[in-house]
N, C-alpha and C. Protein backbone atom coordinates (compact mmCIF):
# COMPACT_ATOMS: atom_id res chain seq x y z
N UNK A 1 131.37 108.44 43.28
CA UNK A 1 132.57 108.32 44.16
C UNK A 1 133.00 107.94 45.18
N UNK A 2 132.40 108.84 46.28
CA UNK A 2 132.68 108.50 48.04
C UNK A 2 131.91 107.13 48.02
N UNK A 3 130.28 106.59 47.24
CA UNK A 3 129.52 105.99 47.98
C UNK A 3 130.15 104.51 47.59
N UNK A 4 130.94 104.69 46.33
CA UNK A 4 131.85 103.79 45.91
C UNK A 4 132.66 103.43 46.81
N UNK A 5 133.74 104.16 47.20
CA UNK A 5 134.84 103.92 47.91
C UNK A 5 134.13 103.13 49.36
N UNK A 6 133.03 103.48 49.55
CA UNK A 6 132.37 103.74 51.58
C UNK A 6 132.10 102.11 51.06
N UNK A 7 131.58 101.84 49.53
CA UNK A 7 131.29 100.16 49.98
C UNK A 7 132.33 99.07 49.78
N UNK A 8 132.53 100.03 49.12
CA UNK A 8 134.61 98.97 48.88
C UNK A 8 135.36 98.88 50.97
N UNK A 9 135.46 99.80 51.25
CA UNK A 9 135.50 99.91 51.93
C UNK A 9 134.82 98.79 53.46
N UNK A 10 133.77 98.89 53.51
CA UNK A 10 132.34 97.89 53.95
C UNK A 10 132.93 96.62 53.68
N UNK A 11 132.88 95.92 52.07
CA UNK A 11 133.19 95.21 51.94
C UNK A 11 134.62 94.61 52.36
N UNK A 12 135.36 95.34 52.54
CA UNK A 12 136.89 94.46 52.30
C UNK A 12 136.75 94.62 54.24
N UNK A 13 135.91 95.72 55.42
CA UNK A 13 136.00 95.41 56.50
C UNK A 13 134.99 93.51 56.63
N UNK A 14 133.97 93.37 56.17
CA UNK A 14 133.08 92.04 56.29
C UNK A 14 133.97 91.14 55.77
N UNK A 15 134.38 91.24 54.40
CA UNK A 15 136.02 90.06 54.81
C UNK A 15 136.98 90.07 55.48
N UNK A 16 137.36 91.22 55.94
CA UNK A 16 138.58 90.75 56.82
C UNK A 16 138.05 90.27 58.43
N UNK A 17 136.66 90.33 58.33
CA UNK A 17 136.00 90.22 59.58
C UNK A 17 135.85 89.03 59.73
N UNK A 18 135.21 88.42 58.48
CA UNK A 18 134.66 86.94 58.10
C UNK A 18 136.48 86.06 58.73
N UNK A 19 137.28 86.21 57.77
CA UNK A 19 139.01 86.34 57.66
C UNK A 19 139.31 84.95 59.56
N UNK A 20 139.42 86.73 60.16
CA UNK A 20 139.62 86.58 61.39
C UNK A 20 138.40 85.67 62.14
N UNK A 21 137.40 85.50 62.24
CA UNK A 21 136.59 84.29 62.54
C UNK A 21 137.07 83.21 62.30
N UNK A 22 137.57 82.58 60.88
CA UNK A 22 137.23 81.66 59.98
C UNK A 22 138.72 81.07 60.97
N UNK A 23 140.51 82.24 61.25
CA UNK A 23 141.06 81.55 61.45
C UNK A 23 141.30 81.58 63.77
N UNK A 24 139.79 82.41 63.62
CA UNK A 24 139.76 81.89 65.28
C UNK A 24 139.46 80.28 65.56
N UNK A 25 138.14 80.09 64.77
CA UNK A 25 137.66 78.49 64.83
C UNK A 25 138.64 78.14 64.56
N UNK A 26 139.53 78.03 63.24
CA UNK A 26 140.23 77.10 63.37
C UNK A 26 141.34 77.51 65.08
N UNK A 27 141.79 77.78 64.97
CA UNK A 27 142.60 78.06 65.97
C UNK A 27 141.70 77.30 67.39
N UNK A 28 140.41 77.78 67.28
CA UNK A 28 139.85 76.81 68.61
C UNK A 28 139.34 75.52 68.33
N UNK A 29 139.51 74.67 67.26
CA UNK A 29 139.34 73.54 66.88
C UNK A 29 141.03 72.93 66.77
N UNK A 30 142.12 73.97 66.24
CA UNK A 30 143.08 72.66 67.02
C UNK A 30 143.49 72.98 68.30
N UNK A 31 142.59 73.67 69.45
CA UNK A 31 142.96 73.65 70.21
C UNK A 31 142.84 72.18 70.99
N UNK A 32 141.66 72.36 70.12
CA UNK A 32 140.31 71.24 70.71
C UNK A 32 140.82 69.72 70.61
N UNK A 33 141.51 69.48 69.07
CA UNK A 33 142.13 68.44 68.67
C UNK A 33 143.43 68.23 70.02
N UNK A 34 144.06 68.97 70.09
CA UNK A 34 145.51 69.01 71.00
C UNK A 34 144.88 69.11 72.34
N UNK A 35 143.85 69.02 72.92
CA UNK A 35 143.43 68.73 74.42
C UNK A 35 143.23 67.33 74.05
N UNK A 36 142.77 66.90 73.47
CA UNK A 36 141.75 65.45 73.08
C UNK A 36 143.28 64.43 72.95
N UNK A 37 143.87 64.74 72.25
CA UNK A 37 145.37 63.72 71.88
C UNK A 37 146.52 63.76 73.09
N UNK A 38 146.09 64.92 74.01
CA UNK A 38 147.67 65.04 75.49
C UNK A 38 146.34 63.95 76.68
N UNK A 39 144.93 64.12 76.48
CA UNK A 39 144.47 63.43 76.88
C UNK A 39 144.15 61.82 76.59
N UNK A 40 144.48 61.69 75.79
CA UNK A 40 144.27 60.39 75.29
C UNK A 40 146.29 59.78 75.76
N UNK A 41 147.47 60.72 75.47
CA UNK A 41 148.66 59.86 75.44
C UNK A 41 149.10 60.60 77.14
N UNK A 42 148.74 61.09 77.62
CA UNK A 42 148.71 61.60 79.22
C UNK A 42 147.76 61.48 80.19
N UNK A 43 146.37 61.33 80.23
CA UNK A 43 145.24 61.27 80.69
C UNK A 43 145.10 62.43 81.58
N UNK A 44 145.12 63.31 81.03
CA UNK A 44 144.94 64.35 81.74
C UNK A 44 144.84 65.88 80.55
N UNK A 45 144.21 66.17 80.10
CA UNK A 45 144.15 67.47 78.73
C UNK A 45 145.58 68.56 79.10
N UNK A 46 145.06 68.37 80.44
CA UNK A 46 146.14 70.27 80.96
C UNK A 46 147.56 69.31 80.48
N UNK A 47 147.80 68.53 81.01
CA UNK A 47 149.29 67.55 80.64
C UNK A 47 150.03 68.12 80.11
N UNK A 48 151.57 68.88 79.65
CA UNK A 48 152.16 68.35 78.44
C UNK A 48 152.95 67.45 78.07
N UNK A 49 152.93 66.85 76.89
CA UNK A 49 153.52 65.81 76.56
C UNK A 49 154.74 65.07 77.21
N UNK A 50 155.67 66.70 77.50
CA UNK A 50 156.45 66.18 77.30
C UNK A 50 156.91 65.80 78.58
N UNK A 51 156.36 66.93 80.34
CA UNK A 51 155.70 66.88 80.91
C UNK A 51 155.71 65.45 81.45
N UNK A 52 155.34 64.76 80.41
CA UNK A 52 154.52 63.48 81.14
C UNK A 52 155.42 62.37 80.19
N UNK A 53 156.34 62.59 79.75
CA UNK A 53 157.61 61.86 78.95
C UNK A 53 158.54 61.67 80.36
N UNK A 54 158.89 63.26 80.62
CA UNK A 54 159.68 63.35 81.76
C UNK A 54 159.91 62.59 83.29
N UNK A 55 158.16 62.28 83.17
CA UNK A 55 158.17 62.16 84.61
C UNK A 55 157.91 60.79 84.14
N UNK A 56 157.82 59.60 83.55
CA UNK A 56 158.05 58.44 83.38
C UNK A 56 159.40 57.94 83.05
N UNK A 57 160.03 59.34 82.07
CA UNK A 57 161.99 58.66 82.10
C UNK A 57 162.47 58.78 83.48
N UNK A 58 161.83 59.77 84.95
CA UNK A 58 161.46 59.94 86.05
C UNK A 58 161.60 58.52 87.04
N UNK A 59 161.39 57.52 86.83
CA UNK A 59 160.35 56.50 87.40
C UNK A 59 161.63 55.20 87.31
N UNK A 60 161.32 54.55 89.05
CA UNK A 60 162.69 53.50 88.57
C UNK A 60 162.68 52.96 88.46
N UNK A 61 164.07 52.59 88.06
CA UNK A 61 164.32 50.99 86.67
C UNK A 61 163.60 50.29 87.65
N UNK A 62 163.95 49.52 88.81
CA UNK A 62 163.17 49.19 88.66
C UNK A 62 161.91 48.40 89.24
N UNK A 63 160.79 49.67 89.15
CA UNK A 63 159.12 49.61 88.54
C UNK A 63 159.26 49.65 87.31
N UNK A 64 160.07 49.83 86.24
CA UNK A 64 160.20 49.67 85.06
C UNK A 64 159.91 48.28 84.48
N UNK A 65 161.51 47.40 85.62
CA UNK A 65 161.39 46.19 85.05
C UNK A 65 160.35 45.09 86.19
N UNK A 66 159.61 45.22 87.53
CA UNK A 66 158.88 44.73 87.63
C UNK A 66 157.41 44.50 86.41
N UNK A 67 157.16 45.93 86.30
CA UNK A 67 155.90 45.85 85.14
C UNK A 67 156.81 45.02 83.37
N UNK A 68 157.98 45.17 83.55
CA UNK A 68 157.69 44.04 82.15
C UNK A 68 158.28 42.93 82.51
N UNK A 69 158.41 42.57 83.74
CA UNK A 69 158.71 40.90 84.27
C UNK A 69 157.27 40.27 84.00
N UNK A 70 156.36 41.51 84.62
CA UNK A 70 154.91 39.97 85.05
C UNK A 70 154.14 40.84 83.58
N UNK A 71 154.53 41.36 82.69
CA UNK A 71 153.70 41.67 81.47
C UNK A 71 154.54 40.19 80.84
N UNK A 72 155.07 39.82 81.20
CA UNK A 72 156.31 38.80 79.78
C UNK A 72 155.73 37.20 80.59
N UNK A 73 155.66 37.41 82.32
CA UNK A 73 155.53 36.30 82.72
C UNK A 73 154.01 36.41 82.47
N UNK A 74 153.15 37.19 82.37
CA UNK A 74 151.07 37.02 81.95
C UNK A 74 151.02 36.28 80.72
N UNK A 75 151.58 36.70 79.71
CA UNK A 75 152.02 36.29 78.60
C UNK A 75 152.54 34.64 78.16
N UNK A 76 153.65 34.58 79.03
CA UNK A 76 154.39 32.91 79.03
C UNK A 76 152.88 32.20 79.50
N UNK A 77 152.48 32.63 80.59
CA UNK A 77 150.90 31.97 81.21
C UNK A 77 149.83 31.43 79.97
N UNK A 78 150.01 32.70 79.64
CA UNK A 78 148.80 32.41 78.62
C UNK A 78 149.65 31.43 77.54
N UNK A 79 150.36 31.65 76.87
CA UNK A 79 151.00 30.17 76.32
C UNK A 79 150.74 29.12 76.43
N UNK A 80 151.60 28.50 77.72
CA UNK A 80 151.45 27.72 78.32
C UNK A 80 149.71 27.10 78.46
N UNK A 81 149.20 27.78 78.90
CA UNK A 81 147.47 27.40 79.29
C UNK A 81 146.84 26.99 77.68
N UNK A 82 147.37 27.45 76.13
CA UNK A 82 146.39 27.48 75.72
C UNK A 82 147.34 26.42 75.16
N UNK A 83 148.36 25.72 75.37
CA UNK A 83 149.22 24.41 74.56
C UNK A 83 148.64 22.95 75.56
N UNK A 84 148.47 23.30 76.80
CA UNK A 84 148.05 22.79 77.74
C UNK A 84 146.36 22.25 77.41
N UNK A 85 145.09 22.82 76.75
CA UNK A 85 144.68 23.05 76.74
C UNK A 85 144.15 22.59 75.64
N UNK A 86 144.90 22.35 74.65
CA UNK A 86 144.80 21.99 73.14
C UNK A 86 145.79 20.95 72.73
N UNK A 87 146.57 20.52 73.72
CA UNK A 87 147.55 19.23 73.17
C UNK A 87 146.78 18.37 74.30
N UNK A 88 146.73 18.66 75.28
CA UNK A 88 146.62 18.05 76.84
C UNK A 88 145.10 18.04 77.03
N UNK A 89 143.62 17.44 75.62
CA UNK A 89 142.66 17.85 75.85
C UNK A 89 141.70 16.85 77.56
N UNK A 90 142.61 15.19 77.86
CA UNK A 90 142.15 14.99 78.81
C UNK A 90 142.33 15.87 79.82
N UNK A 91 143.31 16.92 79.86
CA UNK A 91 143.35 17.74 81.32
C UNK A 91 142.16 18.96 81.67
N UNK A 92 141.53 19.09 80.13
CA UNK A 92 140.24 20.15 80.04
C UNK A 92 139.06 19.46 81.15
N UNK A 93 139.13 17.67 80.16
CA UNK A 93 138.36 16.79 80.07
C UNK A 93 137.81 17.31 81.74
N UNK A 94 139.11 16.71 82.79
CA UNK A 94 139.44 16.52 84.24
C UNK A 94 139.19 17.86 84.53
N UNK A 95 139.01 18.49 83.98
CA UNK A 95 138.80 19.73 84.78
C UNK A 95 137.34 20.74 84.82
N UNK A 96 136.91 20.00 84.12
CA UNK A 96 134.95 20.13 83.86
C UNK A 96 134.60 18.94 84.28
N UNK A 97 134.72 17.60 84.12
CA UNK A 97 134.08 16.84 84.82
C UNK A 97 133.93 17.13 86.53
N UNK A 98 135.33 17.41 86.83
CA UNK A 98 135.61 18.30 88.75
C UNK A 98 134.53 18.87 89.10
């Protein structure tokens, strides 16, 4: 009877050790995925997303406005270039010949 109890206890210990090991592995994987996501979002693996968002919100409104206007201007310029090159083919020919 004693050997059976000892074998059962050994088996329980092995199973418990395996469960702890699997739990550690999933925690490590979760941490790795979180670091990758932080690096993608914030540019730094050790910076919290909340901190990054707070810093973004603290940026001056003027800087945000300049960024928005420059993006909008760039997109508008691309549309203008496409229009000129597609609708006024002679302009493209003049540029190529020059």
